[in-house]
Amino acid sequence: MARIVERFNGTVRDETNDRYGDNYLQATAVIDAMVTQYNDVRLHAALGYIEPREARFGDLGLRRQVRAERLAVARELRRAKNQALLAA
Protein backbone atom coordinates (compact mmCIF):
# COMPACT_ATOMS: atom_id res chain seq x y z
CA MET A 1 0.00 0.00 0.00
CA ALA A 2 2.84 2.39 0.77
CA ARG A 3 4.24 1.97 -2.76
CA ILE A 4 0.85 2.85 -4.23
CA VAL A 5 0.69 6.05 -2.18
CA GLU A 6 4.29 6.92 -3.11
CA ARG A 7 3.55 6.31 -6.78
CA PHE A 8 0.42 8.46 -6.60
CA ASN A 9 2.33 11.28 -4.92
CA GLY A 10 5.02 11.05 -7.60
CA THR A 11 2.41 11.18 -10.35
CA VAL A 12 0.77 14.21 -8.74
CA ARG A 13 4.14 15.98 -8.55
CA ASP A 14 4.98 15.11 -12.16
CA GLU A 15 1.60 16.08 -13.59
CA THR A 16 1.17 19.33 -11.65
CA ASN A 17 4.80 20.51 -11.58
CA ASP A 18 4.32 21.02 -7.83
CA ARG A 19 1.71 23.72 -8.52
CA TYR A 20 -1.48 22.99 -6.65
CA GLY A 21 -2.92 26.49 -6.40
CA ASP A 22 -2.90 29.08 -3.67
CA ASN A 23 -5.29 27.43 -1.24
CA TYR A 24 -6.87 24.14 -0.25
CA LEU A 25 -9.87 24.47 -2.59
CA GLN A 26 -7.66 25.10 -5.61
CA ALA A 27 -5.41 22.17 -4.67
CA THR A 28 -8.46 19.91 -4.31
CA ALA A 29 -9.75 20.98 -7.72
CA VAL A 30 -6.34 20.38 -9.36
CA ILE A 31 -5.99 16.91 -7.86
CA ASP A 32 -9.63 15.99 -8.65
CA ALA A 33 -9.11 17.01 -12.28
CA MET A 34 -5.87 15.02 -12.44
CA VAL A 35 -7.47 11.89 -10.97
CA THR A 36 -10.40 12.15 -13.40
CA GLN A 37 -8.04 12.55 -16.35
CA TYR A 38 -5.90 9.63 -15.13
CA ASN A 39 -8.89 7.30 -14.72
CA ASP A 40 -11.09 8.36 -17.62
CA VAL A 41 -8.89 9.74 -20.40
CA ARG A 42 -5.29 8.62 -20.09
CA LEU A 43 -4.36 5.43 -21.90
CA HIS A 44 -2.44 2.93 -19.79
CA ALA A 45 0.19 0.66 -21.33
CA ALA A 46 -0.42 -2.06 -18.75
CA LEU A 47 -4.05 -2.25 -19.89
CA GLY A 48 -3.23 -2.43 -23.59
CA TYR A 49 -3.55 1.34 -24.08
CA ILE A 50 -7.13 1.45 -22.83
CA GLU A 51 -8.60 3.75 -20.18
CA PRO A 52 -8.94 2.10 -16.74
CA ARG A 53 -12.69 2.82 -16.56
CA GLU A 54 -13.21 1.21 -19.98
CA ALA A 55 -11.13 -1.81 -18.95
CA ARG A 56 -13.19 -2.27 -15.81
CA PHE A 57 -16.74 -1.42 -16.89
CA GLY A 58 -16.73 -1.51 -20.69
CA ASP A 59 -16.79 -4.27 -23.29
CA LEU A 60 -13.05 -4.95 -23.38
CA GLY A 61 -13.23 -7.49 -26.21
CA LEU A 62 -15.11 -5.09 -28.46
CA ARG A 63 -12.77 -2.24 -27.56
CA ARG A 64 -9.70 -4.32 -28.44
CA GLN A 65 -11.31 -5.42 -31.71
CA VAL A 66 -12.09 -1.83 -32.73
CA ARG A 67 -8.56 -0.77 -31.77
CA ALA A 68 -7.03 -3.61 -33.83
CA GLU A 69 -9.13 -2.59 -36.84
CA ARG A 70 -8.06 1.06 -36.51
CA LEU A 71 -4.42 0.05 -36.23
CA ALA A 72 -4.73 -2.11 -39.35
CA VAL A 73 -6.25 0.78 -41.31
CA ALA A 74 -3.55 3.18 -40.10
CA ARG A 75 -0.85 0.66 -40.97
CA GLU A 76 -2.24 0.30 -44.50
CA LEU A 77 -2.44 4.09 -44.95
CA ARG A 78 1.20 4.45 -43.82
CA ARG A 79 2.25 1.69 -46.21
CA ALA A 80 0.47 3.40 -49.13
CA LYS A 81 1.92 6.79 -48.23
CA ASN A 82 5.45 5.39 -47.99
CA GLN A 83 5.09 3.63 -51.33
CA ALA A 84 3.90 6.87 -52.93
CA LEU A 85 6.89 8.72 -51.47
CA LEU A 86 9.29 6.07 -52.79
CA ALA A 87 7.69 6.20 -56.25
CA ALA A 88 8.07 9.99 -56.46
PDB file of N, CA and C in Angstrom:
ATOM      1  N   MET A   1       0.828  -1.195   0.000  1.00  0.00           N
ATOM      2  CA  MET A   1       0.000   0.000   0.000  1.00  0.00           C
ATOM      3  C   MET A   1       0.871   1.257   0.000  1.00  0.00           C
ATOM      4  N   ALA A   2       1.974   1.214   0.707  1.00  0.00           N
ATOM      5  CA  ALA A   2       2.845   2.390   0.774  1.00  0.00           C
ATOM      6  C   ALA A   2       3.407   2.728  -0.601  1.00  0.00           C
ATOM      7  N   ARG A   3       3.713   1.704  -1.406  1.00  0.00           N
ATOM      8  CA  ARG A   3       4.238   1.972  -2.756  1.00  0.00           C
ATOM      9  C   ARG A   3       3.186   2.629  -3.631  1.00  0.00           C
ATOM     10  N   ILE A   4       1.925   2.244  -3.448  1.00  0.00           N
ATOM     11  CA  ILE A   4       0.851   2.852  -4.233  1.00  0.00           C
ATOM     12  C   ILE A   4       0.737   4.334  -3.896  1.00  0.00           C
ATOM     13  N   VAL A   5       0.784   4.654  -2.610  1.00  0.00           N
ATOM     14  CA  VAL A   5       0.694   6.052  -2.182  1.00  0.00           C
ATOM     15  C   VAL A   5       1.902   6.825  -2.689  1.00  0.00           C
ATOM     16  N   GLU A   6       3.094   6.246  -2.606  1.00  0.00           N
ATOM     17  CA  GLU A   6       4.293   6.918  -3.105  1.00  0.00           C
ATOM     18  C   GLU A   6       4.197   7.152  -4.606  1.00  0.00           C
ATOM     19  N   ARG A   7       3.694   6.169  -5.341  1.00  0.00           N
ATOM     20  CA  ARG A   7       3.547   6.314  -6.783  1.00  0.00           C
ATOM     21  C   ARG A   7       2.529   7.399  -7.118  1.00  0.00           C
ATOM     22  N   PHE A   8       1.423   7.424  -6.368  1.00  0.00           N
ATOM     23  CA  PHE A   8       0.418   8.458  -6.596  1.00  0.00           C
ATOM     24  C   PHE A   8       1.003   9.839  -6.327  1.00  0.00           C
ATOM     25  N   ASN A   9       1.717   9.983  -5.240  1.00  0.00           N
ATOM     26  CA  ASN A   9       2.325  11.278  -4.923  1.00  0.00           C
ATOM     27  C   ASN A   9       3.322  11.692  -6.001  1.00  0.00           C
ATOM     28  N   GLY A  10       4.091  10.743  -6.512  1.00  0.00           N
ATOM     29  CA  GLY A  10       5.024  11.049  -7.597  1.00  0.00           C
ATOM     30  C   GLY A  10       4.296  11.479  -8.857  1.00  0.00           C
ATOM     31  N   THR A  11       3.201  10.814  -9.172  1.00  0.00           N
ATOM     32  CA  THR A  11       2.409  11.177 -10.346  1.00  0.00           C
ATOM     33  C   THR A  11       1.822  12.571 -10.179  1.00  0.00           C
ATOM     34  N   VAL A  12       1.318  12.876  -8.998  1.00  0.00           N
ATOM     35  CA  VAL A  12       0.769  14.213  -8.744  1.00  0.00           C
ATOM     36  C   VAL A  12       1.857  15.262  -8.932  1.00  0.00           C
ATOM     37  N   ARG A  13       3.035  15.022  -8.389  1.00  0.00           N
ATOM     38  CA  ARG A  13       4.135  15.981  -8.548  1.00  0.00           C
ATOM     39  C   ARG A  13       4.504  16.155 -10.012  1.00  0.00           C
ATOM     40  N   ASP A  14       4.595  15.043 -10.745  1.00  0.00           N
ATOM     41  CA  ASP A  14       4.975  15.113 -12.155  1.00  0.00           C
ATOM     42  C   ASP A  14       3.933  15.830 -12.989  1.00  0.00           C
ATOM     43  N   GLU A  15       2.675  15.530 -12.772  1.00  0.00           N
ATOM     44  CA  GLU A  15       1.598  16.078 -13.591  1.00  0.00           C
ATOM     45  C   GLU A  15       1.294  17.537 -13.270  1.00  0.00           C
ATOM     46  N   THR A  16       1.534  17.964 -12.049  1.00  0.00           N
ATOM     47  CA  THR A  16       1.173  19.328 -11.653  1.00  0.00           C
ATOM     48  C   THR A  16       2.381  20.241 -11.547  1.00  0.00           C
ATOM     49  N   ASN A  17       3.582  19.720 -11.727  1.00  0.00           N
ATOM     50  CA  ASN A  17       4.804  20.512 -11.577  1.00  0.00           C
ATOM     51  C   ASN A  17       4.862  21.198 -10.221  1.00  0.00           C
ATOM     52  N   ASP A  18       4.367  20.505  -9.201  1.00  0.00           N
ATOM     53  CA  ASP A  18       4.323  21.022  -7.825  1.00  0.00           C
ATOM     54  C   ASP A  18       3.533  22.319  -7.705  1.00  0.00           C
ATOM     55  N   ARG A  19       2.574  22.544  -8.598  1.00  0.00           N
ATOM     56  CA  ARG A  19       1.709  23.725  -8.517  1.00  0.00           C
ATOM     57  C   ARG A  19       0.291  23.249  -8.263  1.00  0.00           C
ATOM     58  N   TYR A  20      -0.156  23.459  -7.050  1.00  0.00           N
ATOM     59  CA  TYR A  20      -1.478  22.987  -6.648  1.00  0.00           C
ATOM     60  C   TYR A  20      -2.470  24.120  -6.459  1.00  0.00           C
ATOM     61  N   GLY A  21      -2.054  25.344  -6.641  1.00  0.00           N
ATOM     62  CA  GLY A  21      -2.918  26.494  -6.399  1.00  0.00           C
ATOM     63  C   GLY A  21      -2.486  27.217  -5.141  1.00  0.00           C
ATOM     64  N   ASP A  22      -3.251  28.236  -4.812  1.00  0.00           N
ATOM     65  CA  ASP A  22      -2.903  29.082  -3.672  1.00  0.00           C
ATOM     66  C   ASP A  22      -3.598  28.686  -2.376  1.00  0.00           C
ATOM     67  N   ASN A  23      -4.598  27.816  -2.462  1.00  0.00           N
ATOM     68  CA  ASN A  23      -5.289  27.427  -1.240  1.00  0.00           C
ATOM     69  C   ASN A  23      -5.787  25.987  -1.364  1.00  0.00           C
ATOM     70  N   TYR A  24      -6.412  25.525  -0.307  1.00  0.00           N
ATOM     71  CA  TYR A  24      -6.867  24.144  -0.247  1.00  0.00           C
ATOM     72  C   TYR A  24      -7.895  23.820  -1.327  1.00  0.00           C
ATOM     73  N   LEU A  25      -8.823  24.720  -1.589  1.00  0.00           N
ATOM     74  CA  LEU A  25      -9.867  24.466  -2.586  1.00  0.00           C
ATOM     75  C   LEU A  25      -9.271  24.339  -3.986  1.00  0.00           C
ATOM     76  N   GLN A  26      -8.307  25.193  -4.303  1.00  0.00           N
ATOM     77  CA  GLN A  26      -7.657  25.096  -5.612  1.00  0.00           C
ATOM     78  C   GLN A  26      -6.868  23.794  -5.722  1.00  0.00           C
ATOM     79  N   ALA A  27      -6.178  23.418  -4.661  1.00  0.00           N
ATOM     80  CA  ALA A  27      -5.413  22.167  -4.670  1.00  0.00           C
ATOM     81  C   ALA A  27      -6.340  20.971  -4.845  1.00  0.00           C
ATOM     82  N   THR A  28      -7.486  20.993  -4.169  1.00  0.00           N
ATOM     83  CA  THR A  28      -8.459  19.913  -4.306  1.00  0.00           C
ATOM     84  C   THR A  28      -8.970  19.823  -5.734  1.00  0.00           C
ATOM     85  N   ALA A  29      -9.255  20.962  -6.345  1.00  0.00           N
ATOM     86  CA  ALA A  29      -9.746  20.976  -7.722  1.00  0.00           C
ATOM     87  C   ALA A  29      -8.687  20.451  -8.688  1.00  0.00           C
ATOM     88  N   VAL A  30      -7.428  20.843  -8.485  1.00  0.00           N
ATOM     89  CA  VAL A  30      -6.339  20.381  -9.356  1.00  0.00           C
ATOM     90  C   VAL A  30      -6.181  18.875  -9.253  1.00  0.00           C
ATOM     91  N   ILE A  31      -6.179  18.347  -8.052  1.00  0.00           N
ATOM     92  CA  ILE A  31      -5.990  16.908  -7.860  1.00  0.00           C
ATOM     93  C   ILE A  31      -7.211  16.133  -8.354  1.00  0.00           C
ATOM     94  N   ASP A  32      -8.424  16.649  -8.132  1.00  0.00           N
ATOM     95  CA  ASP A  32      -9.629  15.988  -8.652  1.00  0.00           C
ATOM     96  C   ASP A  32      -9.592  15.905 -10.176  1.00  0.00           C
ATOM     97  N   ALA A  33      -9.201  17.002 -10.821  1.00  0.00           N
ATOM     98  CA  ALA A  33      -9.111  17.006 -12.284  1.00  0.00           C
ATOM     99  C   ALA A  33      -8.054  16.016 -12.762  1.00  0.00           C
ATOM    100  N   MET A  34      -6.934  15.943 -12.059  1.00  0.00           N
ATOM    101  CA  MET A  34      -5.871  15.023 -12.438  1.00  0.00           C
ATOM    102  C   MET A  34      -6.314  13.565 -12.283  1.00  0.00           C
ATOM    103  N   VAL A  35      -7.003  13.256 -11.205  1.00  0.00           N
ATOM    104  CA  VAL A  35      -7.474  11.891 -10.972  1.00  0.00           C
ATOM    105  C   VAL A  35      -8.508  11.500 -12.032  1.00  0.00           C
ATOM    106  N   THR A  36      -9.404  12.420 -12.358  1.00  0.00           N
ATOM    107  CA  THR A  36     -10.400  12.147 -13.397  1.00  0.00           C
ATOM    108  C   THR A  36      -9.730  11.891 -14.734  1.00  0.00           C
ATOM    109  N   GLN A  37      -8.759  12.728 -15.090  1.00  0.00           N
ATOM    110  CA  GLN A  37      -8.036  12.547 -16.351  1.00  0.00           C
ATOM    111  C   GLN A  37      -7.291  11.217 -16.353  1.00  0.00           C
ATOM    112  N   TYR A  38      -6.672  10.870 -15.239  1.00  0.00           N
ATOM    113  CA  TYR A  38      -5.901   9.634 -15.131  1.00  0.00           C
ATOM    114  C   TYR A  38      -6.799   8.410 -15.279  1.00  0.00           C
ATOM    115  N   ASN A  39      -7.999   8.457 -14.703  1.00  0.00           N
ATOM    116  CA  ASN A  39      -8.892   7.301 -14.720  1.00  0.00           C
ATOM    117  C   ASN A  39      -9.793   7.221 -15.941  1.00  0.00           C
ATOM    118  N   ASP A  40     -10.108   8.365 -16.545  1.00  0.00           N
ATOM    119  CA  ASP A  40     -11.092   8.363 -17.623  1.00  0.00           C
ATOM    120  C   ASP A  40     -10.517   8.624 -19.008  1.00  0.00           C
ATOM    121  N   VAL A  41      -9.398   9.301 -19.108  1.00  0.00           N
ATOM    122  CA  VAL A  41      -8.892   9.744 -20.402  1.00  0.00           C
ATOM    123  C   VAL A  41      -7.561   9.093 -20.758  1.00  0.00           C
ATOM    124  N   ARG A  42      -6.647   9.075 -19.835  1.00  0.00           N
ATOM    125  CA  ARG A  42      -5.285   8.619 -20.088  1.00  0.00           C
ATOM    126  C   ARG A  42      -5.244   7.128 -20.443  1.00  0.00           C
ATOM    127  N   LEU A  43      -4.526   6.822 -21.494  1.00  0.00           N
ATOM    128  CA  LEU A  43      -4.363   5.428 -21.904  1.00  0.00           C
ATOM    129  C   LEU A  43      -3.223   4.801 -21.110  1.00  0.00           C
ATOM    130  N   HIS A  44      -3.427   3.596 -20.619  1.00  0.00           N
ATOM    131  CA  HIS A  44      -2.436   2.928 -19.788  1.00  0.00           C
ATOM    132  C   HIS A  44      -1.824   1.752 -20.546  1.00  0.00           C
ATOM    133  N   ALA A  45      -0.509   1.721 -20.614  1.00  0.00           N
ATOM    134  CA  ALA A  45       0.192   0.660 -21.331  1.00  0.00           C
ATOM    135  C   ALA A  45      -0.100  -0.709 -20.731  1.00  0.00           C
ATOM    136  N   ALA A  46      -0.192  -0.773 -19.410  1.00  0.00           N
ATOM    137  CA  ALA A  46      -0.425  -2.057 -18.751  1.00  0.00           C
ATOM    138  C   ALA A  46      -1.797  -2.636 -19.087  1.00  0.00           C
ATOM    139  N   LEU A  47      -2.706  -1.790 -19.538  1.00  0.00           N
ATOM    140  CA  LEU A  47      -4.055  -2.247 -19.891  1.00  0.00           C
ATOM    141  C   LEU A  47      -4.224  -2.378 -21.398  1.00  0.00           C
ATOM    142  N   GLY A  48      -3.136  -2.331 -22.135  1.00  0.00           N
ATOM    143  CA  GLY A  48      -3.227  -2.431 -23.585  1.00  0.00           C
ATOM    144  C   GLY A  48      -3.650  -1.117 -24.213  1.00  0.00           C
ATOM    145  N   TYR A  49      -3.229  -0.006 -23.604  1.00  0.00           N
ATOM    146  CA  TYR A  49      -3.554   1.341 -24.080  1.00  0.00           C
ATOM    147  C   TYR A  49      -5.057   1.581 -24.134  1.00  0.00           C
ATOM    148  N   ILE A  50      -5.698   1.244 -23.022  1.00  0.00           N
ATOM    149  CA  ILE A  50      -7.131   1.453 -22.830  1.00  0.00           C
ATOM    150  C   ILE A  50      -7.302   2.190 -21.499  1.00  0.00           C
ATOM    151  N   GLU A  51      -8.341   3.025 -21.419  1.00  0.00           N
ATOM    152  CA  GLU A  51      -8.597   3.747 -20.183  1.00  0.00           C
ATOM    153  C   GLU A  51      -8.992   2.767 -19.073  1.00  0.00           C
ATOM    154  N   PRO A  52      -8.589   3.015 -17.837  1.00  0.00           N
ATOM    155  CA  PRO A  52      -8.940   2.102 -16.738  1.00  0.00           C
ATOM    156  C   PRO A  52     -10.448   1.899 -16.580  1.00  0.00           C
ATOM    157  N   ARG A  53     -11.230   2.967 -16.716  1.00  0.00           N
ATOM    158  CA  ARG A  53     -12.687   2.824 -16.562  1.00  0.00           C
ATOM    159  C   ARG A  53     -13.259   1.922 -17.651  1.00  0.00           C
ATOM    160  N   GLU A  54     -12.761   2.064 -18.865  1.00  0.00           N
ATOM    161  CA  GLU A  54     -13.215   1.213 -19.975  1.00  0.00           C
ATOM    162  C   GLU A  54     -12.806  -0.240 -19.732  1.00  0.00           C
ATOM    163  N   ALA A  55     -11.601  -0.442 -19.213  1.00  0.00           N
ATOM    164  CA  ALA A  55     -11.133  -1.805 -18.948  1.00  0.00           C
ATOM    165  C   ALA A  55     -11.979  -2.474 -17.865  1.00  0.00           C
ATOM    166  N   ARG A  56     -12.431  -1.683 -16.909  1.00  0.00           N
ATOM    167  CA  ARG A  56     -13.185  -2.270 -15.807  1.00  0.00           C
ATOM    168  C   ARG A  56     -14.675  -2.427 -16.107  1.00  0.00           C
ATOM    169  N   PHE A  57     -15.284  -1.413 -16.729  1.00  0.00           N
ATOM    170  CA  PHE A  57     -16.741  -1.417 -16.887  1.00  0.00           C
ATOM    171  C   PHE A  57     -17.200  -1.624 -18.325  1.00  0.00           C
ATOM    172  N   GLY A  58     -16.321  -1.443 -19.300  1.00  0.00           N
ATOM    173  CA  GLY A  58     -16.729  -1.512 -20.693  1.00  0.00           C
ATOM    174  C   GLY A  58     -16.614  -2.912 -21.274  1.00  0.00           C
ATOM    175  N   ASP A  59     -16.912  -3.014 -22.548  1.00  0.00           N
ATOM    176  CA  ASP A  59     -16.786  -4.269 -23.287  1.00  0.00           C
ATOM    177  C   ASP A  59     -15.362  -4.338 -23.829  1.00  0.00           C
ATOM    178  N   LEU A  60     -14.484  -4.945 -23.066  1.00  0.00           N
ATOM    179  CA  LEU A  60     -13.053  -4.945 -23.376  1.00  0.00           C
ATOM    180  C   LEU A  60     -12.760  -5.672 -24.685  1.00  0.00           C
ATOM    181  N   GLY A  61     -13.446  -6.752 -24.960  1.00  0.00           N
ATOM    182  CA  GLY A  61     -13.230  -7.485 -26.206  1.00  0.00           C
ATOM    183  C   GLY A  61     -13.569  -6.648 -27.419  1.00  0.00           C
ATOM    184  N   LEU A  62     -14.713  -5.961 -27.358  1.00  0.00           N
ATOM    185  CA  LEU A  62     -15.114  -5.086 -28.464  1.00  0.00           C
ATOM    186  C   LEU A  62     -14.133  -3.939 -28.621  1.00  0.00           C
ATOM    187  N   ARG A  63     -13.715  -3.358 -27.516  1.00  0.00           N
ATOM    188  CA  ARG A  63     -12.769  -2.237 -27.564  1.00  0.00           C
ATOM    189  C   ARG A  63     -11.452  -2.666 -28.211  1.00  0.00           C
ATOM    190  N   ARG A  64     -10.962  -3.835 -27.843  1.00  0.00           N
ATOM    191  CA  ARG A  64      -9.705  -4.324 -28.438  1.00  0.00           C
ATOM    192  C   ARG A  64      -9.882  -4.628 -29.917  1.00  0.00           C
ATOM    193  N   GLN A  65     -11.045  -5.132 -30.305  1.00  0.00           N
ATOM    194  CA  GLN A  65     -11.310  -5.417 -31.714  1.00  0.00           C
ATOM    195  C   GLN A  65     -11.331  -4.125 -32.528  1.00  0.00           C
ATOM    196  N   VAL A  66     -12.023  -3.116 -32.034  1.00  0.00           N
ATOM    197  CA  VAL A  66     -12.086  -1.826 -32.726  1.00  0.00           C
ATOM    198  C   VAL A  66     -10.693  -1.230 -32.835  1.00  0.00           C
ATOM    199  N   ARG A  67      -9.921  -1.310 -31.755  1.00  0.00           N
ATOM    200  CA  ARG A  67      -8.556  -0.773 -31.773  1.00  0.00           C
ATOM    201  C   ARG A  67      -7.697  -1.510 -32.795  1.00  0.00           C
ATOM    202  N   ALA A  68      -7.801  -2.826 -32.856  1.00  0.00           N
ATOM    203  CA  ALA A  68      -7.029  -3.609 -33.827  1.00  0.00           C
ATOM    204  C   ALA A  68      -7.401  -3.225 -35.253  1.00  0.00           C
ATOM    205  N   GLU A  69      -8.702  -2.994 -35.493  1.00  0.00           N
ATOM    206  CA  GLU A  69      -9.132  -2.590 -36.835  1.00  0.00           C
ATOM    207  C   GLU A  69      -8.575  -1.216 -37.195  1.00  0.00           C
ATOM    208  N   ARG A  70      -8.610  -0.281 -36.252  1.00  0.00           N
ATOM    209  CA  ARG A  70      -8.063   1.057 -36.507  1.00  0.00           C
ATOM    210  C   ARG A  70      -6.562   1.002 -36.765  1.00  0.00           C
ATOM    211  N   LEU A  71      -5.862   0.187 -36.016  1.00  0.00           N
ATOM    212  CA  LEU A  71      -4.419   0.049 -36.233  1.00  0.00           C
ATOM    213  C   LEU A  71      -4.128  -0.547 -37.604  1.00  0.00           C
ATOM    214  N   ALA A  72      -4.936  -1.508 -38.029  1.00  0.00           N
ATOM    215  CA  ALA A  72      -4.734  -2.113 -39.350  1.00  0.00           C
ATOM    216  C   ALA A  72      -4.963  -1.091 -40.457  1.00  0.00           C
ATOM    217  N   VAL A  73      -5.988  -0.257 -40.314  1.00  0.00           N
ATOM    218  CA  VAL A  73      -6.252   0.784 -41.311  1.00  0.00           C
ATOM    219  C   VAL A  73      -5.110   1.795 -41.335  1.00  0.00           C
ATOM    220  N   ALA A  74      -4.658   2.220 -40.176  1.00  0.00           N
ATOM    221  CA  ALA A  74      -3.550   3.182 -40.100  1.00  0.00           C
ATOM    222  C   ALA A  74      -2.276   2.597 -40.700  1.00  0.00           C
ATOM    223  N   ARG A  75      -2.033   1.326 -40.427  1.00  0.00           N
ATOM    224  CA  ARG A  75      -0.851   0.655 -40.970  1.00  0.00           C
ATOM    225  C   ARG A  75      -0.905   0.627 -42.500  1.00  0.00           C
ATOM    226  N   GLU A  76      -2.082   0.344 -43.049  1.00  0.00           N
ATOM    227  CA  GLU A  76      -2.237   0.303 -44.503  1.00  0.00           C
ATOM    228  C   GLU A  76      -2.071   1.693 -45.111  1.00  0.00           C
ATOM    229  N   LEU A  77      -2.607   2.712 -44.458  1.00  0.00           N
ATOM    230  CA  LEU A  77      -2.441   4.087 -44.948  1.00  0.00           C
ATOM    231  C   LEU A  77      -0.972   4.504 -44.942  1.00  0.00           C
ATOM    232  N   ARG A  78      -0.245   4.147 -43.878  1.00  0.00           N
ATOM    233  CA  ARG A  78       1.199   4.451 -43.824  1.00  0.00           C
ATOM    234  C   ARG A  78       1.945   3.732 -44.930  1.00  0.00           C
ATOM    235  N   ARG A  79       1.596   2.479 -45.163  1.00  0.00           N
ATOM    236  CA  ARG A  79       2.251   1.692 -46.214  1.00  0.00           C
ATOM    237  C   ARG A  79       2.025   2.345 -47.581  1.00  0.00           C
ATOM    238  N   ALA A  80       0.786   2.762 -47.861  1.00  0.00           N
ATOM    239  CA  ALA A  80       0.470   3.397 -49.134  1.00  0.00           C
ATOM    240  C   ALA A  80       1.198   4.736 -49.275  1.00  0.00           C
ATOM    241  N   LYS A  81       1.235   5.501 -48.202  1.00  0.00           N
ATOM    242  CA  LYS A  81       1.918   6.790 -48.230  1.00  0.00           C
ATOM    243  C   LYS A  81       3.418   6.615 -48.477  1.00  0.00           C
ATOM    244  N   ASN A  82       4.026   5.647 -47.805  1.00  0.00           N
ATOM    245  CA  ASN A  82       5.452   5.388 -47.989  1.00  0.00           C
ATOM    246  C   ASN A  82       5.759   4.917 -49.411  1.00  0.00           C
ATOM    247  N   GLN A  83       4.876   4.092 -49.951  1.00  0.00           N
ATOM    248  CA  GLN A  83       5.093   3.629 -51.333  1.00  0.00           C
ATOM    249  C   GLN A  83       4.969   4.788 -52.322  1.00  0.00           C
ATOM    250  N   ALA A  84       4.046   5.706 -52.066  1.00  0.00           N
ATOM    251  CA  ALA A  84       3.900   6.871 -52.929  1.00  0.00           C
ATOM    252  C   ALA A  84       5.129   7.769 -52.827  1.00  0.00           C
ATOM    253  N   LEU A  85       5.688   7.904 -51.648  1.00  0.00           N
ATOM    254  CA  LEU A  85       6.892   8.718 -51.474  1.00  0.00           C
ATOM    255  C   LEU A  85       8.083   8.080 -52.192  1.00  0.00           C
ATOM    256  N   LEU A  86       8.181   6.767 -52.119  1.00  0.00           N
ATOM    257  CA  LEU A  86       9.293   6.073 -52.791  1.00  0.00           C
ATOM    258  C   LEU A  86       9.160   6.152 -54.300  1.00  0.00           C
ATOM    259  N   ALA A  87       7.928   6.149 -54.807  1.00  0.00           N
ATOM    260  CA  ALA A  87       7.692   6.204 -56.251  1.00  0.00           C
ATOM    261  C   ALA A  87       7.976   7.597 -56.817  1.00  0.00           C
ATOM    262  N   ALA A  88       7.864   8.609 -55.980  1.00  0.00           N
ATOM    263  CA  ALA A  88       8.071   9.992 -56.462  1.00  0.00           C
ATOM    264  C   ALA A  88       9.510  10.356 -56.632  1.00  0.00           C
TER     265      ALA A  88
END
